[in-house]
PDB file of N, CA and C in Angstrom:
ATOM      1  N   UNK A   1     104.042 126.130 145.094  1.00  0.00           N
ATOM      2  CA  UNK A   1     104.422 125.144 145.116  1.00  0.00           C
ATOM      3  C   UNK A   1     104.800 124.810 143.636  1.00  0.00           C
ATOM      4  N   UNK A   2     105.115 123.454 143.922  1.00  0.00           N
ATOM      5  CA  UNK A   2     105.861 122.907 143.237  1.00  0.00           C
ATOM      6  C   UNK A   2     104.782 121.552 142.429  1.00  0.00           C
ATOM      7  N   UNK A   3     104.989 122.084 141.339  1.00  0.00           N
ATOM      8  CA  UNK A   3     104.515 120.741 140.456  1.00  0.00           C
ATOM      9  C   UNK A   3     105.415 119.370 140.293  1.00  0.00           C
ATOM     10  N   UNK A   4     104.571 118.317 139.476  1.00  0.00           N
ATOM     11  CA  UNK A   4     106.138 116.516 139.948  1.00  0.00           C
ATOM     12  C   UNK A   4     106.031 116.706 138.020  1.00  0.00           C
ATOM     13  N   UNK A   5     106.761 116.727 137.959  1.00  0.00           N
ATOM     14  CA  UNK A   5     107.494 115.604 136.172  1.00  0.00           C
ATOM     15  C   UNK A   5     107.202 114.160 136.253  1.00  0.00           C
ATOM     16  N   UNK A   6     107.036 114.093 135.443  1.00  0.00           N
ATOM     17  CA  UNK A   6     107.665 112.436 135.275  1.00  0.00           C
ATOM     18  C   UNK A   6     108.736 112.351 135.072  1.00  0.00           C
ATOM     19  N   UNK A   7     110.313 113.045 135.892  1.00  0.00           N
ATOM     20  CA  UNK A   7     111.657 112.014 136.319  1.00  0.00           C
ATOM     21  C   UNK A   7     111.202 112.682 137.935  1.00  0.00           C
ATOM     22  N   UNK A   8     110.260 112.394 139.089  1.00  0.00           N
ATOM     23  CA  UNK A   8     109.931 112.642 139.982  1.00  0.00           C
ATOM     24  C   UNK A   8     109.976 111.186 140.376  1.00  0.00           C
ATOM     25  N   UNK A   9     110.826 110.934 141.210  1.00  0.00           N
ATOM     26  CA  UNK A   9     111.712 109.136 141.689  1.00  0.00           C
ATOM     27  C   UNK A   9     109.788 109.003 143.117  1.00  0.00           C
ATOM     28  N   UNK A  10     109.838 108.116 143.128  1.00  0.00           N
ATOM     29  CA  UNK A  10     108.550 108.048 143.815  1.00  0.00           C
ATOM     30  C   UNK A  10     109.421 106.788 145.274  1.00  0.00           C
ATOM     31  N   UNK A  11     109.302 107.467 146.060  1.00  0.00           N
ATOM     32  CA  UNK A  11     110.180 106.288 147.091  1.00  0.00           C
ATOM     33  C   UNK A  11     109.029 106.421 148.290  1.00  0.00           C
ATOM     34  N   UNK A  12     109.786 105.364 148.902  1.00  0.00           N
ATOM     35  CA  UNK A  12     109.074 105.268 150.934  1.00  0.00           C
ATOM     36  C   UNK A  12     109.328 106.144 151.691  1.00  0.00           C
ATOM     37  N   UNK A  13     109.897 107.308 151.391  1.00  0.00           N
ATOM     38  CA  UNK A  13     109.357 108.681 152.623  1.00  0.00           C
ATOM     39  C   UNK A  13     108.691 110.056 151.448  1.00  0.00           C
ATOM     40  N   UNK A  14     108.584 109.199 150.146  1.00  0.00           N
ATOM     41  CA  UNK A  14     107.852 110.871 149.526  1.00  0.00           C
ATOM     42  C   UNK A  14     106.209 110.953 149.643  1.00  0.00           C
ATOM     43  N   UNK A  15     105.432 112.218 149.766  1.00  0.00           N
ATOM     44  CA  UNK A  15     104.526 112.181 150.406  1.00  0.00           C
ATOM     45  C   UNK A  15     103.053 110.775 149.811  1.00  0.00           C
ATOM     46  N   UNK A  16     102.384 110.346 149.926  1.00  0.00           N
ATOM     47  CA  UNK A  16     101.050 109.970 149.317  1.00  0.00           C
ATOM     48  C   UNK A  16     101.161 109.833 147.731  1.00  0.00           C
ATOM     49  N   UNK A  17     100.650 109.734 146.573  1.00  0.00           N
ATOM     50  CA  UNK A  17     100.107 109.474 145.137  1.00  0.00           C
ATOM     51  C   UNK A  17      98.475 109.715 145.429  1.00  0.00           C
ATOM     52  N   UNK A  18      99.034 108.671 146.100  1.00  0.00           N
ATOM     53  CA  UNK A  18      96.997 108.096 146.598  1.00  0.00           C
ATOM     54  C   UNK A  18      96.528 107.877 146.993  1.00  0.00           C
ATOM     55  N   UNK A  19      95.436 108.106 147.910  1.00  0.00           N
ATOM     56  CA  UNK A  19      94.673 108.370 149.262  1.00  0.00           C
ATOM     57  C   UNK A  19      93.318 107.267 148.579  1.00  0.00           C
ATOM     58  N   UNK A  20      92.451 106.630 149.824  1.00  0.00           N
ATOM     59  CA  UNK A  20      91.416 106.063 149.367  1.00  0.00           C
ATOM     60  C   UNK A  20      91.204 105.334 151.183  1.00  0.00           C
ATOM     61  N   UNK A  21      89.725 104.913 151.298  1.00  0.00           N
ATOM     62  CA  UNK A  21      89.482 105.328 152.111  1.00  0.00           C
ATOM     63  C   UNK A  21      89.219 103.346 152.121  1.00  0.00           C
ATOM     64  N   UNK A  22      89.106 102.251 151.909  1.00  0.00           N
ATOM     65  CA  UNK A  22      88.940 100.789 152.338  1.00  0.00           C
ATOM     66  C   UNK A  22      87.419 100.439 153.158  1.00  0.00           C
ATOM     67  N   UNK A  23      87.211  99.623 151.749  1.00  0.00           N
ATOM     68  CA  UNK A  23      86.762  98.787 152.336  1.00  0.00           C
ATOM     69  C   UNK A  23      87.356  96.740 152.010  1.00  0.00           C
ATOM     70  N   UNK A  24      87.172  95.860 153.124  1.00  0.00           N
ATOM     71  CA  UNK A  24      87.536  95.035 152.723  1.00  0.00           C
ATOM     72  C   UNK A  24      87.102  94.358 151.863  1.00  0.00           C
ATOM     73  N   UNK A  25      87.475  93.102 151.557  1.00  0.00           N
ATOM     74  CA  UNK A  25      87.013  92.606 150.611  1.00  0.00           C
ATOM     75  C   UNK A  25      88.345  91.471 150.726  1.00  0.00           C
ATOM     76  N   UNK A  26      87.352  90.347 150.513  1.00  0.00           N
ATOM     77  CA  UNK A  26      87.805  89.167 150.310  1.00  0.00           C
ATOM     78  C   UNK A  26      88.078  88.066 148.595  1.00  0.00           C
ATOM     79  N   UNK A  27      87.838  88.662 148.273  1.00  0.00           N
ATOM     80  CA  UNK A  27      88.153  88.722 146.675  1.00  0.00           C
ATOM     81  C   UNK A  27      88.338  89.618 145.941  1.00  0.00           C
ATOM     82  N   UNK A  28      89.002  90.851 145.771  1.00  0.00           N
ATOM     83  CA  UNK A  28      89.451  92.144 145.630  1.00  0.00           C
ATOM     84  C   UNK A  28      90.768  92.545 145.945  1.00  0.00           C
ATOM     85  N   UNK A  29      91.454  92.482 145.276  1.00  0.00           N
ATOM     86  CA  UNK A  29      92.916  93.534 146.708  1.00  0.00           C
ATOM     87  C   UNK A  29      92.582  95.001 146.459  1.00  0.00           C
ATOM     88  N   UNK A  30      93.158  95.693 146.407  1.00  0.00           N
ATOM     89  CA  UNK A  30      92.924  97.133 146.563  1.00  0.00           C
ATOM     90  C   UNK A  30      93.613  97.701 145.528  1.00  0.00           C
ATOM     91  N   UNK A  31      92.614  99.395 145.673  1.00  0.00           N
ATOM     92  CA  UNK A  31      93.407  99.448 143.382  1.00  0.00           C
ATOM     93  C   UNK A  31      94.721 100.170 143.340  1.00  0.00           C
ATOM     94  N   UNK A  32      95.623 100.111 144.675  1.00  0.00           N
ATOM     95  CA  UNK A  32      96.963 100.357 144.362  1.00  0.00           C
ATOM     96  C   UNK A  32      98.000  99.242 145.255  1.00  0.00           C
ATOM     97  N   UNK A  33      98.891  99.882 145.259  1.00  0.00           N
ATOM     98  CA  UNK A  33      99.545  99.409 146.608  1.00  0.00           C
ATOM     99  C   UNK A  33     100.087 100.284 147.898  1.00  0.00           C
ATOM    100  N   UNK A  34      98.866  99.759 148.467  1.00  0.00           N
ATOM    101  CA  UNK A  34      98.936 100.936 150.082  1.00  0.00           C
ATOM    102  C   UNK A  34     100.549 100.772 150.427  1.00  0.00           C
ATOM    103  N   UNK A  35     101.562 101.884 150.850  1.00  0.00           N
ATOM    104  CA  UNK A  35     102.607 102.114 150.799  1.00  0.00           C
ATOM    105  C   UNK A  35     102.858 101.582 152.551  1.00  0.00           C
ATOM    106  N   UNK A  36     101.472 102.476 153.315  1.00  0.00           N
ATOM    107  CA  UNK A  36     101.337 102.384 154.697  1.00  0.00           C
ATOM    108  C   UNK A  36      99.738 102.356 154.517  1.00  0.00           C
ATOM    109  N   UNK A  37      99.460 101.873 155.644  1.00  0.00           N
ATOM    110  CA  UNK A  37      97.501 101.421 155.936  1.00  0.00           C
ATOM    111  C   UNK A  37      97.298 102.703 156.804  1.00  0.00           C
ATOM    112  N   UNK A  38      95.690 103.533 157.405  1.00  0.00           N
ATOM    113  CA  UNK A  38      95.681 104.423 159.348  1.00  0.00           C
ATOM    114  C   UNK A  38      94.394 103.073 158.726  1.00  0.00           C
ATOM    115  N   UNK A  39      95.018 102.921 160.630  1.00  0.00           N
ATOM    116  CA  UNK A  39      93.545 102.461 160.839  1.00  0.00           C
ATOM    117  C   UNK A  39      92.848 102.903 161.538  1.00  0.00           C
ATOM    118  N   UNK A  40      91.307 104.197 161.614  1.00  0.00           N
ATOM    119  CA  UNK A  40      90.702 104.751 163.214  1.00  0.00           C
ATOM    120  C   UNK A  40      90.469 104.218 164.033  1.00  0.00           C
ATOM    121  N   UNK A  41      89.903 103.199 163.835  1.00  0.00           N
ATOM    122  CA  UNK A  41      89.163 102.070 165.052  1.00  0.00           C
ATOM    123  C   UNK A  41      89.805 100.772 165.181  1.00  0.00           C
ATOM    124  N   UNK A  42      90.001 100.328 166.302  1.00  0.00           N
ATOM    125  CA  UNK A  42      91.592  99.721 166.092  1.00  0.00           C
ATOM    126  C   UNK A  42      90.153  98.619 166.340  1.00  0.00           C
ATOM    127  N   UNK A  43      91.228  96.794 166.079  1.00  0.00           N
ATOM    128  CA  UNK A  43      89.999  95.965 166.030  1.00  0.00           C
ATOM    129  C   UNK A  43      91.466  94.998 165.171  1.00  0.00           C
ATOM    130  N   UNK A  44      90.864  93.547 164.825  1.00  0.00           N
ATOM    131  CA  UNK A  44      91.821  93.196 163.983  1.00  0.00           C
ATOM    132  C   UNK A  44      92.371  93.333 162.780  1.00  0.00           C
ATOM    133  N   UNK A  45      93.000  93.220 161.851  1.00  0.00           N
ATOM    134  CA  UNK A  45      92.774  93.644 160.332  1.00  0.00           C
ATOM    135  C   UNK A  45      93.672  92.402 160.234  1.00  0.00           C
ATOM    136  N   UNK A  46      93.788  91.801 158.574  1.00  0.00           N
ATOM    137  CA  UNK A  46      94.000  91.195 158.331  1.00  0.00           C
ATOM    138  C   UNK A  46      94.250  90.785 156.867  1.00  0.00           C
ATOM    139  N   UNK A  47      95.630  91.398 156.260  1.00  0.00           N
ATOM    140  CA  UNK A  47      95.858  91.819 155.317  1.00  0.00           C
ATOM    141  C   UNK A  47      97.487  90.849 154.331  1.00  0.00           C
ATOM    142  N   UNK A  48      97.137  90.914 152.511  1.00  0.00           N
ATOM    143  CA  UNK A  48      98.379  90.456 152.357  1.00  0.00           C
ATOM    144  C   UNK A  48      99.398  91.263 152.431  1.00  0.00           C
ATOM    145  N   UNK A  49     100.890  91.113 151.591  1.00  0.00           N
ATOM    146  CA  UNK A  49     101.973  92.650 151.572  1.00  0.00           C
ATOM    147  C   UNK A  49     102.341  92.039 150.106  1.00  0.00           C
ATOM    148  N   UNK A  50     103.496  93.272 149.834  1.00  0.00           N
ATOM    149  CA  UNK A  50     104.378  92.988 148.613  1.00  0.00           C
ATOM    150  C   UNK A  50     104.823  91.453 148.467  1.00  0.00           C
ATOM    151  N   UNK A  51     105.382  91.118 150.124  1.00  0.00           N
ATOM    152  CA  UNK A  51     106.042  89.907 150.046  1.00  0.00           C
ATOM    153  C   UNK A  51     104.231  89.119 150.198  1.00  0.00           C
ATOM    154  N   UNK A  52     103.624  88.952 149.079  1.00  0.00           N
ATOM    155  CA  UNK A  52     102.999  87.233 148.988  1.00  0.00           C
ATOM    156  C   UNK A  52     102.606  86.785 151.123  1.00  0.00           C
ATOM    157  N   UNK A  53     102.939  87.989 151.779  1.00  0.00           N
ATOM    158  CA  UNK A  53     102.461  87.023 153.479  1.00  0.00           C
ATOM    159  C   UNK A  53     101.503  86.916 153.474  1.00  0.00           C
ATOM    160  N   UNK A  54     100.875  86.741 154.367  1.00  0.00           N
ATOM    161  CA  UNK A  54      99.158  87.134 154.760  1.00  0.00           C
ATOM    162  C   UNK A  54      99.822  86.899 155.968  1.00  0.00           C
ATOM    163  N   UNK A  55      98.752  88.524 156.835  1.00  0.00           N
ATOM    164  CA  UNK A  55      99.087  88.762 158.268  1.00  0.00           C
ATOM    165  C   UNK A  55      98.057  88.641 159.086  1.00  0.00           C
ATOM    166  N   UNK A  56      97.673  88.282 160.229  1.00  0.00           N
ATOM    167  CA  UNK A  56      96.861  88.397 160.840  1.00  0.00           C
ATOM    168  C   UNK A  56      97.493  89.518 161.994  1.00  0.00           C
ATOM    169  N   UNK A  57      96.574  90.523 162.174  1.00  0.00           N
ATOM    170  CA  UNK A  57      97.456  91.419 163.581  1.00  0.00           C
ATOM    171  C   UNK A  57      96.153  92.123 164.494  1.00  0.00           C
ATOM    172  N   UNK A  58      96.272  92.793 165.690  1.00  0.00           N
ATOM    173  CA  UNK A  58      95.023  93.527 166.113  1.00  0.00           C
ATOM    174  C   UNK A  58      96.027  94.642 166.493  1.00  0.00           C
ATOM    175  N   UNK A  59      95.677  95.660 166.364  1.00  0.00           N
ATOM    176  CA  UNK A  59      96.066  96.595 166.695  1.00  0.00           C
ATOM    177  C   UNK A  59      94.784  98.177 166.976  1.00  0.00           C
ATOM    178  N   UNK A  60      95.626  99.302 167.627  1.00  0.00           N
ATOM    179  CA  UNK A  60      95.072 100.025 168.178  1.00  0.00           C
ATOM    180  C   UNK A  60      93.699 101.158 168.038  1.00  0.00           C
ATOM    181  N   UNK A  61      93.410 102.077 168.688  1.00  0.00           N
ATOM    182  CA  UNK A  61      92.705 103.011 167.693  1.00  0.00           C
ATOM    183  C   UNK A  61      93.741 103.887 166.575  1.00  0.00           C
ATOM    184  N   UNK A  62      93.470 104.540 166.178  1.00  0.00           N
ATOM    185  CA  UNK A  62      94.623 105.163 164.985  1.00  0.00           C
ATOM    186  C   UNK A  62      95.998 104.876 165.285  1.00  0.00           C
ATOM    187  N   UNK A  63      96.361 103.508 164.322  1.00  0.00           N
ATOM    188  CA  UNK A  63      96.767 102.643 164.319  1.00  0.00           C
ATOM    189  C   UNK A  63      97.717 103.105 162.834  1.00  0.00           C
ATOM    190  N   UNK A  64      98.628 103.348 162.723  1.00  0.00           N
ATOM    191  CA  UNK A  64      99.209 103.124 161.304  1.00  0.00           C
ATOM    192  C   UNK A  64     100.791 101.455 161.104  1.00  0.00           C
ATOM    193  N   UNK A  65     100.092 101.195 159.440  1.00  0.00           N
ATOM    194  CA  UNK A  65     100.848 100.052 160.013  1.00  0.00           C
ATOM    195  C   UNK A  65     101.524 100.119 158.643  1.00  0.00           C
ATOM    196  N   UNK A  66     103.179 100.469 158.831  1.00  0.00           N
ATOM    197  CA  UNK A  66     104.286 100.693 157.357  1.00  0.00           C
ATOM    198  C   UNK A  66     104.062  99.850 156.963  1.00  0.00           C
ATOM    199  N   UNK A  67     103.781  98.820 156.406  1.00  0.00           N
ATOM    200  CA  UNK A  67     104.052  97.619 155.710  1.00  0.00           C
ATOM    201  C   UNK A  67     103.624  97.573 153.829  1.00  0.00           C
ATOM    202  N   UNK A  68     103.592  97.393 153.204  1.00  0.00           N
ATOM    203  CA  UNK A  68     103.498  97.651 151.485  1.00  0.00           C
ATOM    204  C   UNK A  68     102.637  96.519 151.611  1.00  0.00           C
ATOM    205  N   UNK A  69     100.712  96.831 151.135  1.00  0.00           N
ATOM    206  CA  UNK A  69     100.426  95.765 151.370  1.00  0.00           C
ATOM    207  C   UNK A  69      99.115  96.379 150.357  1.00  0.00           C
ATOM    208  N   UNK A  70      98.724  94.858 149.764  1.00  0.00           N
ATOM    209  CA  UNK A  70      97.877  94.940 148.317  1.00  0.00           C
ATOM    210  C   UNK A  70      96.475  94.608 148.164  1.00  0.00           C
ATOM    211  N   UNK A  71      95.997  93.766 149.791  1.00  0.00           N
ATOM    212  CA  UNK A  71      94.699  93.168 150.124  1.00  0.00           C
ATOM    213  C   UNK A  71      94.843  93.504 151.198  1.00  0.00           C
ATOM    214  N   UNK A  72      93.706  93.718 151.903  1.00  0.00           N
ATOM    215  CA  UNK A  72      92.493  93.840 152.374  1.00  0.00           C
ATOM    216  C   UNK A  72      91.543  93.047 153.014  1.00  0.00           C
ATOM    217  N   UNK A  73      90.901  91.629 153.984  1.00  0.00           N
ATOM    218  CA  UNK A  73      90.487  90.499 153.295  1.00  0.00           C
ATOM    219  C   UNK A  73      89.594  91.365 154.074  1.00  0.00           C
ATOM    220  N   UNK A  74      87.851  90.539 154.207  1.00  0.00           N
ATOM    221  CA  UNK A  74      86.626  91.569 154.842  1.00  0.00           C
ATOM    222  C   UNK A  74      86.588  90.596 156.215  1.00  0.00           C
ATOM    223  N   UNK A  75      86.772  88.921 155.399  1.00  0.00           N
ATOM    224  CA  UNK A  75      87.230  87.833 156.798  1.00  0.00           C
ATOM    225  C   UNK A  75      88.390  88.469 157.549  1.00  0.00           C
ATOM    226  N   UNK A  76      88.130  88.333 159.034  1.00  0.00           N
ATOM    227  CA  UNK A  76      89.241  88.339 159.866  1.00  0.00           C
ATOM    228  C   UNK A  76      89.704  89.372 160.351  1.00  0.00           C
ATOM    229  N   UNK A  77      88.980  90.443 159.314  1.00  0.00           N
ATOM    230  CA  UNK A  77      88.974  92.768 159.610  1.00  0.00           C
ATOM    231  C   UNK A  77      88.113  92.856 160.706  1.00  0.00           C
ATOM    232  N   UNK A  78      88.816  93.461 161.481  1.00  0.00           N
ATOM    233  CA  UNK A  78      86.824  93.938 162.447  1.00  0.00           C
ATOM    234  C   UNK A  78      87.305  95.201 162.900  1.00  0.00           C
ATOM    235  N   UNK A  79      88.839  96.487 162.742  1.00  0.00           N
ATOM    236  CA  UNK A  79      89.082  97.120 162.553  1.00  0.00           C
ATOM    237  C   UNK A  79      88.529  97.968 161.149  1.00  0.00           C
ATOM    238  N   UNK A  80      88.083  99.578 162.014  1.00  0.00           N
ATOM    239  CA  UNK A  80      87.200 100.061 160.824  1.00  0.00           C
ATOM    240  C   UNK A  80      87.952 101.534 160.657  1.00  0.00           C
ATOM    241  N   UNK A  81      87.240 102.417 159.285  1.00  0.00           N
ATOM    242  CA  UNK A  81      88.261 103.340 159.275  1.00  0.00           C
ATOM    243  C   UNK A  81      89.068 103.184 158.563  1.00  0.00           C
ATOM    244  N   UNK A  82      89.338 102.662 157.744  1.00  0.00           N
ATOM    245  CA  UNK A  82      90.684 102.069 157.265  1.00  0.00           C
ATOM    246  C   UNK A  82      91.354 102.516 156.146  1.00  0.00           C
ATOM    247  N   UNK A  83      92.732 103.422 155.717  1.00  0.00           N
ATOM    248  CA  UNK A  83      92.369 104.131 154.717  1.00  0.00           C
ATOM    249  C   UNK A  83      93.564 103.743 154.000  1.00  0.00           C
ATOM    250  N   UNK A  84      94.322 103.469 152.712  1.00  0.00           N
ATOM    251  CA  UNK A  84      95.380 103.592 152.074  1.00  0.00           C
ATOM    252  C   UNK A  84      95.683 104.053 152.038  1.00  0.00           C
ATOM    253  N   UNK A  85      97.595 104.148 151.904  1.00  0.00           N
ATOM    254  CA  UNK A  85      98.182 105.153 151.426  1.00  0.00           C
ATOM    255  C   UNK A  85      99.296 104.776 150.026  1.00  0.00           C
ATOM    256  N   UNK A  86      99.218 105.805 149.423  1.00  0.00           N
ATOM    257  CA  UNK A  86     100.239 104.486 147.938  1.00  0.00           C
ATOM    258  C   UNK A  86     100.776 105.913 147.350  1.00  0.00           C
TER     259      UNK A  86
END
């Protein structure tokens, strides 16, 4: 297995360095910028992107949102089992 060093370039196509279950919050941003978000149980999800857009969308079960996301709101989010990859 290769060991990454400080000269390794992170990009949108490299594997995630951080993975975390998300508890949506109207006040707190994500602990890191997510490069993609995976939704296990579909519903509505409201989030902010790195471009400072606020988006609300309805997604099905087992759906991946390929966007750089900084915050997922509790108000306006009914989807569950949300995992952020960054």
